[in-house]
Amino acid sequence: VGIFDADIYGPSLPTMVTPDSDVVEFVGRQIKTLERDGVQLMSFGYVNEGSAVMRGPMITQLLDQFLSLTYWGPLD
């Protein structure tokens, strides 16, 4: 199971769930998800401190890139 927090302006997943390890790792060129009790987690708040100040196409491009560059591994 995996949870993706797509809120760029004020990510809430880092507030609700503290991962087992808060170290962001890379698998090749992809960002490895953080994990808590077997649930894979990814949020802009885990890789960037605070919220982003962006609009329209920048947000779309960031989310697309963030989804495609996240290494989820096997999910249920």
Protein backbone atom coordinates (compact mmCIF):
# COMPACT_ATOMS: atom_id res chain seq x y z
CA VAL A 1 0.00 0.00 0.00
CA GLY A 2 1.25 3.48 -0.81
CA ILE A 3 0.08 7.01 -0.01
CA PHE A 4 0.97 10.00 -2.19
CA ASP A 5 0.30 13.47 -0.78
CA ALA A 6 -0.20 15.71 -3.85
CA ASP A 7 -0.72 18.92 -1.86
CA ILE A 8 2.16 21.19 -2.82
CA TYR A 9 0.91 24.31 -1.02
CA GLY A 10 0.71 22.72 2.42
CA PRO A 11 1.52 19.01 2.55
CA SER A 12 -0.23 17.31 5.46
CA LEU A 13 1.13 13.74 5.27
CA PRO A 14 4.34 14.66 7.15
CA THR A 15 2.18 16.09 9.95
CA MET A 16 -0.04 13.00 10.16
CA VAL A 17 2.56 10.25 9.65
CA THR A 18 6.13 10.11 10.89
CA PRO A 19 8.11 7.64 8.76
CA ASP A 20 10.33 4.98 10.33
CA SER A 21 13.32 6.87 8.88
CA ASP A 22 13.20 10.46 7.60
CA VAL A 23 16.26 10.07 5.35
CA VAL A 24 15.39 10.60 1.68
CA GLU A 25 17.22 8.02 -0.44
CA PHE A 26 17.61 7.56 -4.18
CA VAL A 27 17.37 4.39 -6.28
CA GLY A 28 19.23 5.34 -9.42
CA ARG A 29 17.55 8.59 -10.50
CA GLN A 30 14.33 7.92 -8.58
CA ILE A 31 13.34 9.03 -5.08
CA LYS A 32 12.68 6.08 -2.79
CA THR A 33 9.48 6.26 -0.78
CA LEU A 34 9.64 6.57 2.97
CA GLU A 35 7.88 3.89 4.99
CA ARG A 36 5.81 3.49 8.15
CA ASP A 37 4.56 0.08 9.30
CA GLY A 38 4.84 -1.34 5.76
CA VAL A 39 2.97 1.56 4.13
CA GLN A 40 5.01 3.46 1.54
CA LEU A 41 4.75 7.24 1.84
CA MET A 42 5.62 10.13 -0.46
CA SER A 43 4.94 13.81 0.04
CA PHE A 44 6.48 17.07 -1.12
CA GLY A 45 6.85 17.81 2.60
CA TYR A 46 9.30 14.94 3.05
CA VAL A 47 11.68 16.20 0.36
CA ASN A 48 11.22 19.96 0.76
CA GLU A 49 10.94 21.99 3.94
CA GLY A 50 7.64 23.91 4.04
CA SER A 51 5.30 24.61 1.15
CA ALA A 52 5.95 25.75 -2.40
CA VAL A 53 5.00 29.07 -3.95
CA MET A 54 4.06 28.05 -7.49
CA ARG A 55 1.13 28.41 -9.86
CA GLY A 56 -0.59 26.56 -12.73
CA PRO A 57 1.75 24.84 -15.19
CA MET A 58 4.64 24.77 -12.70
CA ILE A 59 2.53 22.73 -10.26
CA THR A 60 1.37 20.37 -13.02
CA GLN A 61 4.94 19.78 -14.17
CA LEU A 62 6.20 19.31 -10.61
CA LEU A 63 3.50 16.75 -9.77
CA ASP A 64 4.09 14.87 -13.03
CA GLN A 65 7.82 14.76 -12.39
CA PHE A 66 7.33 13.86 -8.72
CA LEU A 67 5.04 10.94 -9.60
CA SER A 68 7.28 9.63 -12.36
CA LEU A 69 10.50 9.95 -10.32
CA THR A 70 9.17 8.21 -7.20
CA TYR A 71 10.30 4.62 -6.79
CA TRP A 72 7.37 2.74 -5.25
CA GLY A 73 8.60 -0.82 -5.63
CA PRO A 74 5.94 -3.54 -5.31
CA LEU A 75 2.57 -2.32 -3.98
CA ASP A 76 -0.60 -4.22 -3.04
